[in-house]
Amino acid sequence: MTTGAAPTPQRRTQAQRSAATREALLEATIECLVEDGYAGTTTSRVALRAGVSRGAHLHHFQTRNALIAAALQQLAAKRHAEALAAADRLPAGPERLPAALDIIWSFYASQLFQAALDLWSHARTDPELRAQLVPIERDLDRQTMELVRRMFPEVASRPDFEPLVEMSIAAARGLSLLDMLHPGSDRSRRQWESFRGLIVGLYEAEA
């Protein structure tokens, strides 16, 4: 019995190689932001982590801030898709509200949010970085409202719906700041569980 020759591996096209390089750079940027902060996310360090040359980096992104903005946009789109999928899996009945609020909490109780805080802090005195981040922030606000309307369809028509959502987000964001000074602590999570019960009561109350 004879066997045929092994198939010759198909070479990637230039477009495929370029897309793979871009993807590696974006992933490496997020990893650097989480581990090293904004100051440590240099173009040379990103290129090294991505396994590409600095020239390849400059071919795709001319500046560090442009690279960071592109990485954040891609990450936001990915997390939004994941959150929408999670919203579709929410249970019905009384368990839905606290489970949905926990999805919101998960956005902020993460290293990614800690990295975002670092960026926002630097943007206060960096006009170029701020100009890159403002459109992303607006997109995130739009995506968040799309998400919460899917999660809370029963109360989305209430006149005070958006203020309730903004308060929920503010509570989650504020509590997550505790993790900056107390990394690894469950203090913010325990406080969130108490806050969540109060917020559920507000959602369930008559407008």
Protein backbone atom coordinates (compact mmCIF):
# COMPACT_ATOMS: atom_id res chain seq x y z
CA MET A 1 0.00 0.00 0.00
CA THR A 2 1.44 3.32 -1.02
CA THR A 3 0.80 6.66 0.55
CA GLY A 4 0.73 9.96 -1.18
CA ALA A 5 3.25 12.67 -0.59
CA ALA A 6 2.59 14.98 2.31
CA PRO A 7 0.77 18.11 1.19
CA THR A 8 2.95 21.14 0.74
CA PRO A 9 2.13 23.78 3.40
CA GLN A 10 0.38 26.69 1.78
CA ARG A 11 2.28 29.94 2.15
CA ARG A 12 0.42 32.85 3.64
CA THR A 13 -0.29 35.83 1.46
CA GLN A 14 1.23 39.21 2.18
CA ALA A 15 -2.18 40.41 3.40
CA GLN A 16 -2.42 37.47 5.81
CA ARG A 17 1.07 38.09 7.15
CA SER A 18 0.30 41.78 7.59
CA ALA A 19 -2.95 41.01 9.44
CA ALA A 20 -1.16 38.53 11.71
CA THR A 21 1.53 41.11 12.53
CA ARG A 22 -1.10 43.73 13.32
CA GLU A 23 -2.98 41.30 15.56
CA ALA A 24 0.21 40.37 17.42
CA LEU A 25 1.01 44.03 18.00
CA LEU A 26 -2.47 44.77 19.38
CA GLU A 27 -2.42 41.79 21.73
CA ALA A 28 1.08 42.65 22.92
CA THR A 29 -0.02 46.24 23.57
CA ILE A 30 -2.84 45.15 25.88
CA GLU A 31 -0.49 42.78 27.73
CA CYS A 32 2.04 45.59 28.20
CA LEU A 33 -0.61 48.02 29.44
CA VAL A 34 -1.82 45.51 32.02
CA GLU A 35 1.63 44.43 33.21
CA ASP A 36 3.76 47.55 32.73
CA GLY A 37 1.31 50.47 32.65
CA TYR A 38 1.21 53.27 30.12
CA ALA A 39 4.73 54.51 30.87
CA GLY A 40 6.16 51.04 30.30
CA THR A 41 4.23 50.40 27.09
CA THR A 42 6.90 51.57 24.70
CA THR A 43 6.91 50.73 21.00
CA SER A 44 10.13 48.77 21.34
CA ARG A 45 8.77 46.70 24.23
CA VAL A 46 5.53 45.99 22.35
CA ALA A 47 7.43 44.95 19.24
CA LEU A 48 9.65 42.65 21.29
CA ARG A 49 6.67 41.02 23.01
CA ALA A 50 4.88 40.64 19.69
CA GLY A 51 7.94 39.07 18.09
CA VAL A 52 8.16 41.60 15.29
CA SER A 53 10.65 44.24 14.27
CA ARG A 54 10.20 47.87 15.23
CA GLY A 55 10.04 48.63 11.52
CA ALA A 56 7.03 46.33 11.22
CA HIS A 57 5.40 48.22 14.08
CA LEU A 58 5.95 51.58 12.36
CA HIS A 59 4.46 50.19 9.17
CA HIS A 60 1.13 49.65 10.95
CA PHE A 61 1.11 52.40 13.59
CA GLN A 62 3.07 55.61 13.37
CA THR A 63 2.84 56.54 17.05
CA ARG A 64 2.56 54.81 20.39
CA ASN A 65 -0.76 56.48 21.13
CA ALA A 66 -2.20 55.37 17.78
CA LEU A 67 -1.18 51.81 18.61
CA ILE A 68 -2.74 52.00 22.06
CA ALA A 69 -5.98 53.46 20.69
CA ALA A 70 -6.28 50.70 18.08
CA ALA A 71 -5.65 48.04 20.72
CA LEU A 72 -8.33 49.51 22.99
CA GLN A 73 -10.84 49.73 20.14
CA GLN A 74 -10.32 46.09 19.26
CA LEU A 75 -10.51 45.02 22.89
CA ALA A 76 -13.70 47.04 23.46
CA ALA A 77 -15.37 45.45 20.43
CA LYS A 78 -14.40 41.96 21.60
CA ARG A 79 -15.57 42.49 25.17
CA HIS A 80 -18.82 44.06 23.95
CA ALA A 81 -19.58 40.98 21.84
CA GLU A 82 -18.80 38.74 24.82
CA ALA A 83 -21.03 40.84 27.10
CA LEU A 84 -23.94 40.69 24.64
CA ALA A 85 -23.59 36.92 24.50
CA ALA A 86 -23.55 36.79 28.31
CA ALA A 87 -26.67 38.98 28.41
CA ASP A 88 -28.47 36.52 26.16
CA ARG A 89 -27.68 33.75 28.65
CA LEU A 90 -29.08 35.59 31.67
CA PRO A 91 -31.71 33.67 33.65
CA ALA A 92 -35.30 34.76 33.82
CA GLY A 93 -37.05 35.70 37.02
CA PRO A 94 -35.67 37.32 40.19
CA GLU A 95 -32.12 36.12 39.56
CA ARG A 96 -31.81 38.15 36.36
CA LEU A 97 -31.20 41.60 37.89
CA PRO A 98 -28.32 40.65 40.21
CA ALA A 99 -26.74 38.48 37.51
CA ALA A 100 -26.95 41.33 35.02
CA LEU A 101 -25.44 43.78 37.50
CA ASP A 102 -22.58 41.34 38.02
CA ILE A 103 -21.83 41.57 34.30
CA ILE A 104 -21.43 45.32 34.73
CA TRP A 105 -19.25 44.74 37.80
CA SER A 106 -17.00 42.36 35.86
CA PHE A 107 -16.05 45.18 33.48
CA TYR A 108 -14.45 47.12 36.32
CA ALA A 109 -13.22 44.39 38.67
CA SER A 110 -10.41 43.48 36.31
CA GLN A 111 -6.80 44.25 35.48
CA LEU A 112 -7.95 45.70 32.17
CA PHE A 113 -9.86 48.43 33.97
CA GLN A 114 -6.82 49.13 36.14
CA ALA A 115 -4.82 49.59 32.94
CA ALA A 116 -7.52 51.89 31.55
CA LEU A 117 -7.37 54.03 34.68
CA ASP A 118 -3.65 54.45 34.11
CA LEU A 119 -4.32 55.64 30.57
CA TRP A 120 -7.07 58.03 31.63
CA SER A 121 -4.77 59.50 34.28
CA HIS A 122 -2.00 60.19 31.76
CA ALA A 123 -4.51 61.62 29.29
CA ARG A 124 -5.29 64.43 31.74
CA THR A 125 -2.00 66.12 30.84
CA ASP A 126 -1.39 64.55 27.40
CA PRO A 127 -3.60 66.21 24.76
CA GLU A 128 -2.58 63.75 22.05
CA LEU A 129 -3.49 60.73 24.16
CA ARG A 130 -6.72 62.40 25.29
CA ALA A 131 -7.72 63.01 21.67
CA GLN A 132 -7.27 59.28 20.98
CA LEU A 133 -9.23 58.18 24.04
CA VAL A 134 -12.28 60.48 23.88
CA PRO A 135 -13.87 58.77 20.83
CA ILE A 136 -13.26 55.38 22.43
CA GLU A 137 -14.97 56.53 25.61
CA ARG A 138 -17.99 57.67 23.60
CA ASP A 139 -18.18 54.31 21.84
CA LEU A 140 -18.00 52.55 25.20
CA ASP A 141 -20.89 54.65 26.52
CA ARG A 142 -22.97 53.74 23.47
CA GLN A 143 -22.11 50.06 23.76
CA THR A 144 -22.94 50.07 27.47
CA MET A 145 -26.42 51.49 26.87
CA GLU A 146 -27.04 48.90 24.15
CA LEU A 147 -25.99 46.18 26.57
CA VAL A 148 -28.06 47.32 29.54
CA ARG A 149 -31.19 47.72 27.42
CA ARG A 150 -30.79 44.09 26.43
CA MET A 151 -30.17 43.02 30.02
CA PHE A 152 -33.01 45.04 31.58
CA PRO A 153 -35.82 45.03 29.00
CA GLU A 154 -38.53 45.23 31.67
CA VAL A 155 -37.32 48.55 33.03
CA ALA A 156 -35.70 50.08 29.94
CA SER A 157 -38.77 52.22 29.25
CA ARG A 158 -38.74 53.85 32.68
CA PRO A 159 -37.99 57.59 32.62
CA ASP A 160 -35.30 57.12 35.26
CA PHE A 161 -33.69 54.14 33.51
CA GLU A 162 -30.53 55.89 32.31
CA PRO A 163 -29.85 57.54 35.71
CA LEU A 164 -30.22 54.10 37.33
CA VAL A 165 -27.74 52.65 34.88
CA GLU A 166 -25.30 55.52 35.43
CA MET A 167 -25.55 55.02 39.18
CA SER A 168 -24.89 51.27 38.80
CA ILE A 169 -21.81 51.95 36.70
CA ALA A 170 -20.57 54.65 39.06
CA ALA A 171 -20.90 52.28 42.02
CA ALA A 172 -19.01 49.49 40.25
CA ARG A 173 -16.32 51.85 39.02
CA GLY A 174 -15.87 53.55 42.37
CA LEU A 175 -15.58 50.31 44.33
CA SER A 176 -13.07 48.92 41.84
CA LEU A 177 -10.71 51.78 42.74
CA LEU A 178 -10.10 50.03 46.05
CA ASP A 179 -8.27 47.31 44.15
CA MET A 180 -5.56 49.77 43.14
CA LEU A 181 -4.41 50.15 46.74
CA HIS A 182 -5.40 46.68 47.89
CA PRO A 183 -4.58 44.28 45.04
CA GLY A 184 -5.72 40.73 45.66
CA SER A 185 -8.17 41.81 48.37
CA ASP A 186 -11.85 40.83 48.22
CA ARG A 187 -12.86 44.06 49.96
CA SER A 188 -14.36 45.66 46.84
CA ARG A 189 -16.18 42.46 45.89
CA ARG A 190 -17.78 42.17 49.33
CA GLN A 191 -18.88 45.80 49.22
CA TRP A 192 -20.23 45.31 45.70
CA GLU A 193 -22.45 42.46 46.90
CA SER A 194 -24.00 44.83 49.46
CA PHE A 195 -24.39 47.65 46.95
CA ARG A 196 -25.88 45.27 44.40
CA GLY A 197 -28.74 44.40 46.73
CA LEU A 198 -29.56 48.07 47.17
CA ILE A 199 -29.39 48.70 43.42
CA VAL A 200 -31.67 45.74 42.67
CA GLY A 201 -34.23 47.28 45.02
CA LEU A 202 -34.12 50.54 43.06
CA TYR A 203 -34.59 48.75 39.74
CA GLU A 204 -37.53 46.80 41.12
CA ALA A 205 -39.22 49.84 42.71
CA GLU A 206 -41.99 51.60 40.90
CA ALA A 207 -40.83 54.64 38.96
